[in-house]
């Protein structure tokens, strides 16, 4: 599985290719396909087997999440199977490696964030009004999906830089395509919402914001053994410093006539 930083770099390249080919930044029809399933109302599956398989997959992820909550480290497949009440071989029918399990957990969290953001940017509301996608909105989104989820950044910390081959190629490709599509779609939506953003700047705004939070998490968050971390440097909590950094960056990038300190 390529590191997340490579996925983001590839997203920039794909975005540039779209603009060079005359696209408006929202991506091709093919790039939008993953979102048709994400943004439409869920429907009851007709296939009992499919429902059973999805329930079993969910039980595996729930068990892995419970184990990760205790240690903030990977549990091996045997431990996850035992926690889920399944045979080890059954877990391997759904996930081939422990890294694939935990990357799936991280992507589930990322999906929740991007699905809501993209829906607000694109779908509108019953009476046609637009939601104000300003920093206060983004602050609420980050708090809801990232800071209030105590496992969000610990999962990011273990998923960033996964070694090549630790996730099966097809699964890695699926995750990569999804994350790229989310970034492209949300970035293009921000560009439409803020005309002062040039082509590619919405994507850059999202990526830079995320990179700042990851860096601050490694500096100030609970990342276990971190002998290189400085002490007594006069910074506040990871959450407070992240919100301050994000507000300054967003205000500098998109402007705010009522700028306020955080």
Foldseek 3Di string as FASTA:
>chain_A
DAFVVVLLVVLLVQQVVCVVVPHLLQDDPVLCVVVVVLQDDDDDDPDPVVVVVVVLLVLLLVLQVVVCVVPLDFDWLCSSCVSSVHDSVVVCVPFVTSLLSLVVVQLVLVSVLLNVLLCLLPVADPVRDHDDPALVVVLVSCCVRPVVPVCNLSSSLVRGPDDPPRGDPVSVVVSSSVVSSSLSNSLSSVCVVQVVQDRPRSSVLVVVLVVVLNVLCLQANPHDDDVPHDPPPPDDHSSVVSSQVNLVVRCVRRNDPPDDGD
